N, C-alpha and C. Protein backbone atom coordinates (compact mmCIF):
# COMPACT_ATOMS: atom_id res chain seq x y z
N MET A 1 0.84 -1.17 0.00
CA MET A 1 0.00 0.00 0.00
C MET A 1 0.89 1.23 0.00
N SER A 2 0.52 2.20 -0.85
CA SER A 2 1.37 3.39 -0.95
C SER A 2 1.07 4.38 0.16
N ASP A 3 2.08 5.14 0.48
CA ASP A 3 1.93 6.16 1.52
C ASP A 3 1.27 7.40 0.93
N VAL A 4 0.39 7.98 1.69
CA VAL A 4 -0.25 9.22 1.27
C VAL A 4 0.58 10.36 1.86
N THR A 5 1.08 11.19 0.96
CA THR A 5 1.92 12.29 1.42
C THR A 5 1.09 13.57 1.54
N LEU A 6 1.65 14.51 2.24
CA LEU A 6 1.00 15.80 2.41
C LEU A 6 0.87 16.52 1.07
N GLU A 7 1.85 16.34 0.20
CA GLU A 7 1.80 16.95 -1.13
C GLU A 7 0.63 16.38 -1.94
N PHE A 8 0.42 15.08 -1.84
CA PHE A 8 -0.69 14.44 -2.54
C PHE A 8 -2.03 15.00 -2.05
N VAL A 9 -2.18 15.10 -0.75
CA VAL A 9 -3.41 15.63 -0.16
C VAL A 9 -3.62 17.07 -0.61
N ALA A 10 -2.56 17.85 -0.63
CA ALA A 10 -2.65 19.26 -1.03
C ALA A 10 -3.10 19.36 -2.50
N ARG A 11 -2.57 18.52 -3.38
CA ARG A 11 -2.96 18.54 -4.79
C ARG A 11 -4.43 18.15 -4.95
N GLN A 12 -4.84 17.13 -4.21
CA GLN A 12 -6.23 16.70 -4.29
C GLN A 12 -7.17 17.78 -3.76
N LEU A 13 -6.79 18.42 -2.68
CA LEU A 13 -7.60 19.50 -2.12
C LEU A 13 -7.69 20.66 -3.11
N GLU A 14 -6.60 20.99 -3.75
CA GLU A 14 -6.60 22.06 -4.76
C GLU A 14 -7.55 21.70 -5.90
N ARG A 15 -7.52 20.45 -6.32
CA ARG A 15 -8.40 19.98 -7.39
C ARG A 15 -9.87 20.10 -6.98
N VAL A 16 -10.17 19.70 -5.77
CA VAL A 16 -11.54 19.77 -5.27
C VAL A 16 -11.99 21.23 -5.19
N LEU A 17 -11.15 22.10 -4.69
CA LEU A 17 -11.51 23.51 -4.58
C LEU A 17 -11.71 24.16 -5.95
N THR A 18 -10.92 23.76 -6.93
CA THR A 18 -11.09 24.28 -8.29
C THR A 18 -12.43 23.84 -8.86
N ARG A 19 -12.77 22.59 -8.68
CA ARG A 19 -14.07 22.09 -9.18
C ARG A 19 -15.22 22.74 -8.43
N LEU A 20 -15.06 22.97 -7.15
CA LEU A 20 -16.09 23.64 -6.36
C LEU A 20 -16.32 25.06 -6.88
N GLY A 21 -15.26 25.75 -7.22
CA GLY A 21 -15.39 27.09 -7.79
C GLY A 21 -16.16 27.07 -9.10
N ALA A 22 -15.90 26.07 -9.94
CA ALA A 22 -16.61 25.94 -11.21
C ALA A 22 -18.10 25.65 -10.97
N ILE A 23 -18.38 24.81 -9.98
CA ILE A 23 -19.78 24.49 -9.65
C ILE A 23 -20.50 25.74 -9.14
N GLU A 24 -19.82 26.54 -8.32
CA GLU A 24 -20.43 27.79 -7.83
C GLU A 24 -20.75 28.73 -8.98
N ASP A 25 -19.84 28.82 -9.96
CA ASP A 25 -20.09 29.67 -11.13
C ASP A 25 -21.30 29.17 -11.91
N GLN A 26 -21.40 27.87 -12.10
CA GLN A 26 -22.55 27.31 -12.82
C GLN A 26 -23.84 27.54 -12.05
N LEU A 27 -23.79 27.43 -10.74
CA LEU A 27 -24.97 27.66 -9.92
C LEU A 27 -25.43 29.11 -10.02
N THR A 28 -24.49 30.03 -10.07
CA THR A 28 -24.84 31.44 -10.22
C THR A 28 -25.55 31.68 -11.54
N VAL A 29 -25.04 31.09 -12.60
CA VAL A 29 -25.67 31.24 -13.92
C VAL A 29 -27.07 30.62 -13.92
N LEU A 30 -27.20 29.42 -13.40
CA LEU A 30 -28.49 28.74 -13.38
C LEU A 30 -29.50 29.49 -12.51
N THR A 31 -29.05 30.05 -11.40
CA THR A 31 -29.94 30.84 -10.55
C THR A 31 -30.44 32.06 -11.30
N GLY A 32 -29.56 32.73 -12.02
CA GLY A 32 -29.96 33.88 -12.83
C GLY A 32 -30.98 33.50 -13.89
N MET A 33 -30.77 32.36 -14.52
CA MET A 33 -31.71 31.89 -15.53
C MET A 33 -33.07 31.59 -14.91
N ALA A 34 -33.07 30.97 -13.74
CA ALA A 34 -34.33 30.64 -13.07
C ALA A 34 -35.08 31.91 -12.68
N ILE A 35 -34.36 32.90 -12.18
CA ILE A 35 -34.99 34.16 -11.80
C ILE A 35 -35.58 34.84 -13.03
N ARG A 36 -34.86 34.83 -14.15
CA ARG A 36 -35.36 35.46 -15.37
C ARG A 36 -36.62 34.74 -15.87
N HIS A 37 -36.63 33.42 -15.83
CA HIS A 37 -37.81 32.67 -16.27
C HIS A 37 -38.99 32.91 -15.33
N ASP A 38 -38.72 33.01 -14.05
CA ASP A 38 -39.78 33.28 -13.08
C ASP A 38 -40.40 34.64 -13.35
N GLY A 39 -39.58 35.63 -13.64
CA GLY A 39 -40.09 36.95 -13.97
C GLY A 39 -40.93 36.94 -15.23
N ALA A 40 -40.48 36.17 -16.22
CA ALA A 40 -41.24 36.08 -17.47
C ALA A 40 -42.58 35.41 -17.24
N LEU A 41 -42.60 34.37 -16.41
CA LEU A 41 -43.86 33.69 -16.12
C LEU A 41 -44.81 34.59 -15.34
N ASN A 42 -44.28 35.37 -14.41
CA ASN A 42 -45.13 36.31 -13.68
C ASN A 42 -45.70 37.36 -14.62
N GLY A 43 -44.90 37.81 -15.58
CA GLY A 43 -45.40 38.76 -16.57
C GLY A 43 -46.50 38.16 -17.42
N LEU A 44 -46.35 36.91 -17.79
CA LEU A 44 -47.39 36.25 -18.58
C LEU A 44 -48.67 36.10 -17.78
N ALA A 45 -48.55 35.78 -16.50
CA ALA A 45 -49.74 35.65 -15.66
C ALA A 45 -50.47 36.98 -15.56
N THR A 46 -49.72 38.06 -15.40
CA THR A 46 -50.34 39.39 -15.34
C THR A 46 -51.02 39.73 -16.65
N GLU A 47 -50.35 39.43 -17.75
CA GLU A 47 -50.93 39.69 -19.07
C GLU A 47 -52.20 38.85 -19.27
N PHE A 48 -52.18 37.62 -18.85
CA PHE A 48 -53.34 36.74 -19.00
C PHE A 48 -54.52 37.26 -18.17
N ARG A 49 -54.24 37.70 -16.94
CA ARG A 49 -55.31 38.27 -16.12
C ARG A 49 -55.91 39.49 -16.80
N GLY A 50 -55.08 40.32 -17.40
CA GLY A 50 -55.57 41.49 -18.12
C GLY A 50 -56.44 41.10 -19.30
N LEU A 51 -56.03 40.08 -20.02
CA LEU A 51 -56.83 39.62 -21.16
C LEU A 51 -58.18 39.07 -20.70
N VAL A 52 -58.18 38.35 -19.59
CA VAL A 52 -59.44 37.80 -19.06
C VAL A 52 -60.36 38.95 -18.65
N GLN A 53 -59.82 39.96 -18.00
CA GLN A 53 -60.63 41.10 -17.60
C GLN A 53 -61.18 41.85 -18.81
N ALA A 54 -60.35 42.05 -19.83
CA ALA A 54 -60.79 42.74 -21.04
C ALA A 54 -61.88 41.94 -21.75
N THR A 55 -61.71 40.64 -21.80
CA THR A 55 -62.72 39.78 -22.42
C THR A 55 -64.03 39.84 -21.64
N SER A 56 -63.92 39.86 -20.33
CA SER A 56 -65.11 39.93 -19.48
C SER A 56 -65.84 41.26 -19.70
N ARG A 57 -65.10 42.35 -19.78
CA ARG A 57 -65.73 43.65 -20.03
C ARG A 57 -66.39 43.69 -21.39
N ALA A 58 -65.71 43.14 -22.40
CA ALA A 58 -66.29 43.11 -23.75
C ALA A 58 -67.54 42.25 -23.76
N ASP A 59 -67.50 41.14 -23.07
CA ASP A 59 -68.67 40.26 -22.99
C ASP A 59 -69.83 40.98 -22.30
N HIS A 60 -69.52 41.73 -21.25
CA HIS A 60 -70.55 42.47 -20.53
C HIS A 60 -71.16 43.54 -21.44
N ARG A 61 -70.31 44.25 -22.18
CA ARG A 61 -70.83 45.28 -23.10
C ARG A 61 -71.71 44.67 -24.17
N LEU A 62 -71.30 43.52 -24.69
CA LEU A 62 -72.12 42.86 -25.72
C LEU A 62 -73.44 42.40 -25.17
N SER A 63 -73.44 41.88 -23.94
CA SER A 63 -74.69 41.41 -23.37
C SER A 63 -75.62 42.57 -23.06
N VAL A 64 -75.06 43.74 -22.71
CA VAL A 64 -75.90 44.91 -22.45
C VAL A 64 -76.45 45.45 -23.74
N ASP A 65 -75.64 45.48 -24.83
CA ASP A 65 -76.09 46.01 -26.12
C ASP A 65 -77.18 45.15 -26.73
N VAL A 66 -77.16 43.86 -26.47
CA VAL A 66 -78.13 42.94 -27.06
C VAL A 66 -79.50 43.15 -26.43
N ARG A 67 -79.57 43.53 -25.21
CA ARG A 67 -80.85 43.68 -24.51
C ARG A 67 -81.60 44.83 -25.00
């Protein structure tokens, strides 16, 4: 069985820390993407509510005009 040296542990730790930094960068990007999509979905929901209200008002006007 080979001996584990302090230099070996230091290299492995450096490798792990480098990969951790890359994962943090990817997480930052993915979080930004999720926030942007969430904002877009909220905008669509607001737009949809507006369309439903406009349709309801138009329907009400048509039903009043028919009478």
